[in-house]
N, C-alpha and C. Protein backbone atom coordinates (compact mmCIF):
# COMPACT_ATOMS: atom_id res chain seq x y z
N UNK A 1 182.70 102.71 137.80
CA UNK A 1 182.97 101.42 137.26
C UNK A 1 181.82 100.63 138.32
N UNK A 2 182.12 100.95 139.82
CA UNK A 2 181.36 100.27 140.70
C UNK A 2 179.79 100.80 138.96
N UNK A 3 179.52 102.55 139.09
CA UNK A 3 178.58 103.07 138.97
C UNK A 3 177.86 102.83 136.92
N UNK A 4 179.25 102.16 136.56
CA UNK A 4 178.63 101.45 135.34
C UNK A 4 177.50 100.29 135.50
N UNK A 5 178.86 99.48 136.11
CA UNK A 5 178.03 98.16 137.08
C UNK A 5 176.49 97.94 136.55
N UNK A 6 176.21 99.41 137.73
CA UNK A 6 175.53 99.12 138.52
C UNK A 6 173.91 99.54 137.01
N UNK A 7 174.47 99.98 136.28
CA UNK A 7 174.18 100.29 135.53
C UNK A 7 173.16 99.19 133.68
N UNK A 8 174.68 99.16 133.34
CA UNK A 8 174.47 97.83 133.36
C UNK A 8 173.64 96.53 133.89
N UNK A 9 173.69 96.40 134.85
CA UNK A 9 172.86 95.75 135.60
C UNK A 9 171.09 95.80 135.87
N UNK A 10 171.11 97.51 136.03
CA UNK A 10 169.43 97.69 135.67
C UNK A 10 169.59 97.70 134.37
N UNK A 11 170.43 97.41 133.25
CA UNK A 11 169.58 97.29 132.39
C UNK A 11 169.28 95.83 131.70
N UNK A 12 170.16 95.31 132.33
CA UNK A 12 169.54 93.46 131.71
C UNK A 12 169.15 93.56 132.58
N UNK A 13 169.00 93.96 134.08
CA UNK A 13 167.48 93.38 134.86
C UNK A 13 165.92 93.82 134.08
N UNK A 14 166.17 94.83 133.16
CA UNK A 14 164.69 95.46 132.59
C UNK A 14 164.84 94.83 131.44
N UNK A 15 165.99 94.35 130.74
CA UNK A 15 165.74 93.35 129.79
C UNK A 15 165.29 91.66 130.09
N UNK A 16 165.44 91.65 131.25
CA UNK A 16 165.15 90.53 131.93
C UNK A 16 163.84 90.27 132.42
N UNK A 17 163.11 90.97 132.73
CA UNK A 17 162.18 91.92 133.32
C UNK A 17 160.87 91.35 132.08
N UNK A 18 161.54 92.80 130.87
CA UNK A 18 160.48 92.39 129.72
C UNK A 18 160.01 91.55 129.60
N UNK A 19 161.45 91.10 129.99
CA UNK A 19 161.73 89.16 128.75
C UNK A 19 160.44 88.83 129.46
N UNK A 20 160.51 88.27 130.83
CA UNK A 20 159.52 87.67 131.73
C UNK A 20 158.05 87.90 131.26
N UNK A 21 158.35 89.24 131.39
CA UNK A 21 157.00 89.67 131.33
C UNK A 21 156.03 89.20 129.94
N UNK A 22 157.00 89.65 129.74
CA UNK A 22 156.13 88.73 127.38
C UNK A 22 155.93 87.84 127.57
N UNK A 23 156.43 86.50 128.15
CA UNK A 23 156.75 84.67 128.34
C UNK A 23 155.45 85.15 129.78
N UNK A 24 155.39 85.96 130.62
CA UNK A 24 154.08 86.05 132.01
C UNK A 24 152.48 86.21 130.38
N UNK A 25 153.24 86.70 129.96
CA UNK A 25 151.77 87.25 128.84
C UNK A 25 151.49 85.87 127.66
N UNK A 26 151.79 85.60 127.38
CA UNK A 26 152.46 84.70 125.67
C UNK A 26 150.87 84.21 126.24
N UNK A 27 150.85 82.82 126.50
CA UNK A 27 149.58 82.26 127.21
C UNK A 27 148.39 83.40 126.84
N UNK A 28 148.12 84.43 127.47
CA UNK A 28 146.82 85.54 127.39
C UNK A 28 147.08 86.00 125.66
N UNK A 29 148.24 86.01 125.24
CA UNK A 29 147.99 86.87 124.13
C UNK A 29 147.72 85.32 123.03
N UNK A 30 148.25 83.81 122.64
CA UNK A 30 147.66 82.92 121.89
C UNK A 30 146.76 83.15 122.51
N UNK A 31 145.59 82.99 123.41
CA UNK A 31 145.11 82.31 123.60
C UNK A 31 143.16 83.87 123.33
N UNK A 32 144.36 85.07 123.59
CA UNK A 32 143.00 85.86 122.14
C UNK A 32 143.87 85.80 120.90
N UNK A 33 144.27 85.14 120.39
CA UNK A 33 144.46 84.96 118.47
C UNK A 33 143.62 84.30 118.34
N UNK A 34 143.94 82.89 119.53
CA UNK A 34 142.82 81.96 119.72
C UNK A 34 141.45 83.00 119.44
N UNK A 35 140.67 83.52 119.73
CA UNK A 35 138.81 84.05 120.26
C UNK A 35 139.19 84.87 118.60
N UNK A 36 140.74 85.63 118.32
CA UNK A 36 139.97 86.43 117.55
C UNK A 36 139.76 85.75 115.64
N UNK A 37 140.80 84.78 115.94
CA UNK A 37 140.59 83.59 114.27
C UNK A 37 139.18 83.09 114.83
N UNK A 38 138.98 82.48 116.17
CA UNK A 38 137.37 82.25 116.23
C UNK A 38 136.32 83.23 115.98
N UNK A 39 136.37 84.13 116.74
CA UNK A 39 135.23 85.82 115.80
C UNK A 39 135.46 86.30 114.70
N UNK A 40 136.23 86.11 113.68
CA UNK A 40 136.34 86.47 112.41
C UNK A 40 135.85 85.09 111.83
N UNK A 41 136.06 83.74 111.84
CA UNK A 41 135.28 82.93 111.35
C UNK A 41 133.76 83.06 111.83
N UNK A 42 133.16 83.47 113.21
CA UNK A 42 131.99 83.25 113.05
C UNK A 42 131.63 83.94 112.76
N UNK A 43 131.94 85.57 112.15
CA UNK A 43 132.10 87.12 111.44
C UNK A 43 131.57 86.31 110.04
N UNK A 44 132.14 85.79 109.23
CA UNK A 44 131.81 85.39 108.27
C UNK A 44 130.65 83.96 107.93
N UNK A 45 131.34 83.59 108.92
CA UNK A 45 129.56 82.42 109.15
C UNK A 45 128.12 83.16 109.68
N UNK A 46 128.40 84.53 109.94
CA UNK A 46 127.11 85.34 110.36
C UNK A 46 126.58 86.12 109.81
N UNK A 47 128.05 86.06 108.82
CA UNK A 47 128.19 86.96 107.54
C UNK A 47 127.12 86.70 106.73
N UNK A 48 127.12 85.27 105.72
CA UNK A 48 126.78 84.91 104.98
C UNK A 48 125.43 83.31 105.30
N UNK A 49 125.20 84.14 107.53
CA UNK A 49 123.71 83.55 107.35
C UNK A 49 122.78 84.42 107.26
N UNK A 50 123.49 86.27 107.64
CA UNK A 50 122.36 87.47 107.27
C UNK A 50 122.41 87.39 105.55
N UNK A 51 122.78 86.99 105.02
CA UNK A 51 122.73 86.96 103.92
C UNK A 51 121.59 86.51 103.10
N UNK A 52 121.92 84.93 103.38
CA UNK A 52 119.78 83.87 103.72
C UNK A 52 119.59 84.25 103.76
N UNK A 53 119.50 84.78 105.39
CA UNK A 53 117.51 85.66 105.47
C UNK A 53 117.49 86.44 105.15
N UNK A 54 118.10 87.67 104.43
CA UNK A 54 118.14 88.43 103.48
C UNK A 54 117.68 88.34 102.33
N UNK A 55 118.48 87.24 101.47
CA UNK A 55 117.05 86.58 100.08
C UNK A 55 116.09 85.42 101.11
N UNK A 56 116.18 84.91 101.86
CA UNK A 56 115.18 84.20 102.51
C UNK A 56 113.43 85.83 102.63
N UNK A 57 114.12 86.76 103.59
CA UNK A 57 112.78 88.11 103.30
C UNK A 57 112.13 88.25 102.09
N UNK A 58 113.73 88.14 101.26
CA UNK A 58 113.50 89.75 100.16
C UNK A 58 112.45 88.07 99.00
N UNK A 59 112.86 86.98 98.92
CA UNK A 59 112.16 85.68 98.39
C UNK A 59 109.74 86.19 98.98
N UNK A 60 110.08 85.67 100.54
CA UNK A 60 109.12 85.89 100.86
C UNK A 60 108.11 88.15 100.45
N UNK A 61 108.95 88.23 100.91
CA UNK A 61 108.25 89.71 100.10
C UNK A 61 107.47 90.04 98.73
N UNK A 62 108.35 89.33 97.98
CA UNK A 62 108.40 89.66 96.92
C UNK A 62 106.89 88.76 97.02
N UNK A 63 106.77 87.49 97.28
CA UNK A 63 105.88 85.86 97.56
C UNK A 63 104.17 87.22 97.93
N UNK A 64 104.44 87.76 99.01
CA UNK A 64 102.97 88.73 99.95
C UNK A 64 102.84 89.51 98.89
N UNK A 65 103.75 90.32 97.69
CA UNK A 65 103.53 91.29 97.41
C UNK A 65 102.81 91.27 96.14
N UNK A 66 103.65 89.21 95.66
CA UNK A 66 102.40 88.90 94.39
C UNK A 66 101.32 88.19 94.99
N UNK A 67 100.90 87.90 95.90
CA UNK A 67 99.52 87.49 96.32
C UNK A 67 99.18 88.10 97.23
N UNK A 68 99.15 89.35 97.34
CA UNK A 68 98.69 91.27 97.45
C UNK A 68 97.86 91.48 96.19
N UNK A 69 98.83 91.23 95.04
CA UNK A 69 97.98 91.41 93.77
C UNK A 69 96.83 90.84 93.11
N UNK A 70 96.95 88.99 93.18
CA UNK A 70 96.12 88.20 93.82
C UNK A 70 95.31 88.75 93.77
N UNK A 71 94.93 89.01 94.74
CA UNK A 71 94.08 88.90 96.00
C UNK A 71 93.17 90.54 95.52
N UNK A 72 94.04 90.91 95.03
CA UNK A 72 92.93 93.12 94.59
C UNK A 72 92.47 93.08 93.20
N UNK A 73 93.45 91.79 91.99
CA UNK A 73 93.34 91.33 91.14
C UNK A 73 91.36 90.00 91.47
N UNK A 74 91.60 89.35 92.05
CA UNK A 74 90.24 88.78 92.47
C UNK A 74 89.70 89.64 92.74
N UNK A 75 89.81 90.28 94.03
CA UNK A 75 88.87 91.47 93.77
C UNK A 75 87.69 92.23 93.92
N UNK A 76 88.88 92.54 92.53
CA UNK A 76 88.25 93.95 92.19
C UNK A 76 87.57 92.89 90.40
N UNK A 77 87.95 91.27 90.08
CA UNK A 77 86.91 90.85 89.11
C UNK A 77 85.67 90.79 89.74
N UNK A 78 85.63 89.90 90.97
CA UNK A 78 84.65 89.70 91.57
C UNK A 78 83.41 91.10 91.98
N UNK A 79 84.50 92.10 93.03
CA UNK A 79 83.64 93.57 92.32
C UNK A 79 82.69 93.85 90.88
N UNK A 80 83.20 93.67 89.89
CA UNK A 80 82.93 94.31 88.67
C UNK A 80 82.22 92.97 88.36
N UNK A 81 82.73 91.70 88.90
CA UNK A 81 81.29 90.89 88.71
C UNK A 81 80.53 91.74 89.39
N UNK A 82 79.83 91.46 90.79
CA UNK A 82 79.10 92.15 91.11
C UNK A 82 78.98 93.19 90.26
N UNK A 83 79.06 94.11 90.03
CA UNK A 83 78.45 95.49 89.58
C UNK A 83 77.84 95.10 88.71
N UNK A 84 78.39 93.96 87.43
CA UNK A 84 77.44 93.50 86.54
C UNK A 84 76.43 93.18 86.30
N UNK A 85 75.90 92.24 88.00
CA UNK A 85 74.93 91.93 88.68
C UNK A 85 73.96 92.45 88.56
N UNK A 86 74.45 93.52 89.76
CA UNK A 86 73.50 94.64 89.90
C UNK A 86 73.09 95.51 89.05
N UNK A 87 74.42 95.66 88.07
CA UNK A 87 73.46 96.21 86.96
C UNK A 87 72.59 95.72 85.47
N UNK A 88 73.25 94.44 85.47
CA UNK A 88 71.67 93.29 84.98
C UNK A 88 70.40 93.31 85.48
N UNK A 89 69.91 93.40 86.52
CA UNK A 89 68.84 93.47 87.80
C UNK A 89 68.41 94.49 87.36
N UNK A 90 69.57 96.04 87.60
CA UNK A 90 69.16 96.82 87.28
C UNK A 90 67.87 97.30 86.13
N UNK A 91 68.77 96.44 85.11
CA UNK A 91 68.02 96.87 83.80
C UNK A 91 66.94 96.26 84.23
N UNK A 92 66.81 95.03 84.20
CA UNK A 92 65.37 93.87 84.78
C UNK A 92 64.38 95.11 85.32
N UNK A 93 65.02 95.72 86.50
CA UNK A 93 63.59 96.06 87.12
C UNK A 93 63.17 97.30 86.48
N UNK A 94 63.99 98.45 85.54
CA UNK A 94 64.16 99.44 84.71
C UNK A 94 62.78 99.31 83.65
N UNK A 95 63.26 97.88 83.12
CA UNK A 95 62.63 97.63 81.94
C UNK A 95 60.41 96.78 82.14
N UNK A 96 61.35 96.07 83.63
CA UNK A 96 59.93 95.50 84.30
C UNK A 96 58.66 97.25 84.85
N UNK A 97 59.60 97.96 85.37
CA UNK A 97 58.16 98.99 85.46
C UNK A 97 58.36 100.05 84.99
N UNK A 98 59.30 100.40 83.74
CA UNK A 98 58.32 100.91 82.09
C UNK A 98 57.31 99.88 81.24
N UNK A 99 57.17 98.50 81.84
CA UNK A 99 56.29 97.97 80.76
C UNK A 99 54.55 97.95 82.18
N UNK A 100 55.19 98.09 82.75
CA UNK A 100 54.23 98.82 84.19
C UNK A 100 53.57 99.83 83.94
N UNK A 101 54.32 100.53 84.10
CA UNK A 101 54.20 102.20 83.80
C UNK A 101 53.00 102.56 82.65
N UNK A 102 54.26 102.07 81.37
CA UNK A 102 54.20 102.83 79.87
C UNK A 102 52.42 101.89 79.71
N UNK A 103 52.13 101.19 79.12
CA UNK A 103 51.59 99.58 78.77
C UNK A 103 50.19 99.42 79.60
N UNK A 104 50.99 99.20 80.75
CA UNK A 104 50.07 98.18 82.45
C UNK A 104 49.02 99.81 82.90
N UNK A 105 49.59 101.01 82.76
CA UNK A 105 48.91 102.24 82.97
C UNK A 105 48.99 101.59 84.28
N UNK A 106 49.34 101.38 85.25
CA UNK A 106 50.00 101.42 86.63
C UNK A 106 50.52 102.78 87.52
N UNK A 107 50.11 103.13 88.27
CA UNK A 107 50.87 103.89 89.55
C UNK A 107 52.14 103.97 89.95
N UNK A 108 53.07 104.11 89.71
CA UNK A 108 53.93 103.94 90.27
C UNK A 108 54.54 104.75 91.83
N UNK A 109 55.42 103.67 92.51
CA UNK A 109 54.82 104.61 93.77
C UNK A 109 56.21 105.59 94.05
N UNK A 110 57.17 105.52 95.15
CA UNK A 110 57.61 106.72 94.38
C UNK A 110 59.68 106.02 95.29
N UNK A 111 59.90 105.51 95.76
CA UNK A 111 60.87 104.43 94.92
C UNK A 111 61.22 104.07 94.21
N UNK A 112 59.95 103.66 92.77
CA UNK A 112 60.07 103.10 91.64
C UNK A 112 59.57 104.45 91.17
N UNK A 113 59.24 104.96 91.07
CA UNK A 113 59.10 106.38 90.26
C UNK A 113 60.82 106.72 90.55
N UNK A 114 61.99 107.55 91.52
CA UNK A 114 63.25 107.83 92.38
C UNK A 114 64.51 107.04 90.90
N UNK A 115 64.19 105.60 90.88
CA UNK A 115 64.94 104.73 90.20
C UNK A 115 64.58 104.64 88.64
N UNK A 116 63.66 105.00 88.50
CA UNK A 116 63.55 105.41 86.64
C UNK A 116 64.14 106.58 86.52
N UNK A 117 63.98 107.86 87.28
CA UNK A 117 64.99 109.27 86.98
C UNK A 117 66.05 108.59 87.29
N UNK A 118 65.94 108.18 88.00
CA UNK A 118 68.61 107.46 88.00
C UNK A 118 68.59 106.75 86.85
N UNK A 119 67.73 105.78 86.95
CA UNK A 119 68.60 104.87 85.68
C UNK A 119 67.87 105.79 84.09
N UNK A 120 67.01 106.75 84.04
CA UNK A 120 66.92 106.52 82.26
C UNK A 120 68.37 107.72 82.24
N UNK A 121 68.63 108.30 83.23
CA UNK A 121 70.39 109.06 82.89
C UNK A 121 70.87 108.08 82.82
N UNK A 122 71.41 106.81 83.54
CA UNK A 122 72.23 105.99 82.25
C UNK A 122 71.88 104.98 81.16
N UNK A 123 70.60 105.38 81.28
CA UNK A 123 70.42 105.04 79.20
C UNK A 123 70.89 106.17 78.88
N UNK A 124 70.00 107.48 78.93
CA UNK A 124 70.65 107.92 78.52
C UNK A 124 71.85 108.70 78.04
N UNK A 125 73.06 108.15 78.82
CA UNK A 125 74.56 108.00 79.08
C UNK A 125 74.21 109.68 79.77
N UNK A 126 74.15 109.95 80.66
CA UNK A 126 73.79 111.95 81.14
C UNK A 126 74.75 110.70 82.52
N UNK A 127 75.05 111.59 83.26
CA UNK A 127 76.67 111.36 84.56
C UNK A 127 76.00 111.07 85.75
N UNK A 128 75.67 110.50 86.53
CA UNK A 128 74.80 110.36 87.65
C UNK A 128 75.60 110.57 89.10
N UNK A 129 75.35 111.42 89.65
CA UNK A 129 75.45 111.42 90.83
C UNK A 129 75.02 110.99 91.77
N UNK A 130 75.71 111.20 92.89
CA UNK A 130 76.12 109.76 93.72
C UNK A 130 74.83 109.15 94.44
N UNK A 131 73.84 110.40 94.14
CA UNK A 131 72.24 110.36 95.00
C UNK A 131 72.06 109.29 93.98
N UNK A 132 71.99 109.46 93.39
CA UNK A 132 71.58 108.85 92.03
C UNK A 132 71.87 107.12 91.84
N UNK A 133 72.90 106.90 91.96
CA UNK A 133 73.90 105.65 92.22
C UNK A 133 73.35 105.12 93.75
N UNK A 134 72.99 105.19 94.37
CA UNK A 134 72.51 104.64 95.62
C UNK A 134 71.00 104.84 95.82
N UNK A 135 70.13 105.50 94.42
CA UNK A 135 69.14 105.71 94.88
C UNK A 135 68.33 103.65 93.99
N UNK A 136 69.99 103.72 92.80
CA UNK A 136 69.89 102.62 91.59
C UNK A 136 69.85 101.46 92.47
N UNK A 137 71.20 101.87 93.05
CA UNK A 137 72.20 100.46 93.65
C UNK A 137 70.88 99.50 94.93
N UNK A 138 70.22 101.14 95.74
CA UNK A 138 69.58 100.66 96.91
C UNK A 138 68.19 99.52 96.73
N UNK A 139 67.15 100.36 95.31
CA UNK A 139 66.71 99.35 94.89
C UNK A 139 66.84 97.67 94.27
N UNK A 140 67.59 98.08 94.48
CA UNK A 140 68.01 97.03 92.64
C UNK A 140 67.73 95.08 94.09
N UNK A 141 69.20 95.82 95.09
CA UNK A 141 69.89 95.37 95.78
C UNK A 141 68.57 95.20 96.33
N UNK A 142 67.30 95.98 96.84
CA UNK A 142 65.69 95.32 97.63
C UNK A 142 65.41 94.79 96.86
N UNK A 143 65.62 94.82 95.87
CA UNK A 143 64.63 93.23 94.86
C UNK A 143 65.57 91.86 95.41
N UNK A 144 66.08 92.69 94.49
CA UNK A 144 66.63 91.07 94.24
C UNK A 144 68.77 90.35 95.46
N UNK A 145 68.72 90.85 95.85
CA UNK A 145 69.73 90.76 96.44
C UNK A 145 70.01 89.91 96.79
N UNK A 146 68.94 88.01 97.34
CA UNK A 146 70.13 87.49 97.70
C UNK A 146 70.40 86.67 96.27
N UNK A 147 70.16 87.12 94.85
CA UNK A 147 70.51 86.95 94.26
C UNK A 147 71.85 87.85 93.54
N UNK A 148 71.68 88.66 93.96
CA UNK A 148 72.76 89.26 93.56
C UNK A 148 74.06 88.79 94.40
N UNK A 149 73.46 88.36 96.14
CA UNK A 149 74.83 88.26 96.92
C UNK A 149 75.63 86.65 96.37
N UNK A 150 74.27 85.86 95.55
CA UNK A 150 75.02 84.77 94.65
C UNK A 150 75.32 84.34 93.45
N UNK A 151 75.10 86.03 93.18
CA UNK A 151 75.97 85.98 91.48
C UNK A 151 75.22 85.69 90.51
N UNK A 152 74.24 85.36 90.77
CA UNK A 152 72.78 84.75 89.68
C UNK A 152 72.69 86.05 88.76
N UNK A 153 72.93 85.89 87.17
CA UNK A 153 72.95 86.43 86.10
C UNK A 153 71.64 86.14 86.49
N UNK A 154 71.20 87.52 85.96
CA UNK A 154 69.10 87.94 85.32
C UNK A 154 69.20 87.40 84.28
N UNK A 155 67.77 86.67 84.33
CA UNK A 155 67.55 86.42 83.21
C UNK A 155 66.41 87.11 82.22
N UNK A 156 66.66 88.29 81.82
CA UNK A 156 65.70 88.96 80.95
C UNK A 156 65.16 88.21 79.37
N UNK A 157 65.20 87.62 79.62
CA UNK A 157 64.39 86.70 77.99
C UNK A 157 63.29 87.71 77.55
N UNK A 158 62.39 86.81 79.50
CA UNK A 158 61.21 87.07 79.37
C UNK A 158 60.24 88.66 79.03
N UNK A 159 61.20 89.33 79.57
CA UNK A 159 60.60 90.82 78.77
C UNK A 159 61.40 90.99 77.56
N UNK A 160 62.32 90.79 76.72
CA UNK A 160 62.96 91.25 76.01
C UNK A 160 62.01 90.78 74.76
N UNK A 161 61.07 89.40 75.16
CA UNK A 161 60.43 89.08 74.34
C UNK A 161 59.12 89.91 74.13
N UNK A 162 58.38 89.79 75.55
CA UNK A 162 57.55 91.63 75.29
C UNK A 162 57.54 92.18 75.02
N UNK A 163 58.93 93.07 74.71
CA UNK A 163 59.08 94.02 73.87
C UNK A 163 59.18 93.50 72.76
N UNK A 164 59.39 92.39 72.49
CA UNK A 164 59.14 92.26 70.72
C UNK A 164 60.87 92.15 70.59
N UNK A 165 61.91 92.65 70.52
CA UNK A 165 63.47 92.61 70.89
C UNK A 165 63.14 91.15 70.10
N UNK A 166 63.51 90.14 70.89
CA UNK A 166 63.91 88.91 69.65
C UNK A 166 62.38 87.56 69.84
N UNK A 167 62.86 86.73 68.38
CA UNK A 167 61.23 86.36 68.36
C UNK A 167 61.50 85.53 69.00
N UNK A 168 60.48 84.03 69.62
CA UNK A 168 60.15 83.79 70.41
C UNK A 168 59.86 82.22 69.73
């Protein structure tokens, strides 16, 4: 019986120790539970904040891409306008050189001859080599750089009148 008493006391002592251990740890458990609740609440707030940031980023990305597209469009229009102005001045130079050569019988410089031959291909609808394009562009820009940079349209009316294409 003494042996049974010791076993029962051992069990009671184990149960009391276990219960005391739970009681001693309970404040820490409560603190950790409170921390978990705070973290879960913060996690929700962080998820919402992340969604907001993602939406803002998507909107900014859209705006940047739209701005780039508009800039590209404006650049293409500007380039097209500049090319158009160069072409106008090239045509004017071509007609001027033709008048100088055919009507006045003047001798042409090497640059004028190269330009005339290159621009003849444009007039005839032939394909231009890179060299021909460069010749035309360099010759025209060399004569009319200021006007082309300012994108001033070429006035060819006096040439057309001289060629009798329009009535004065």
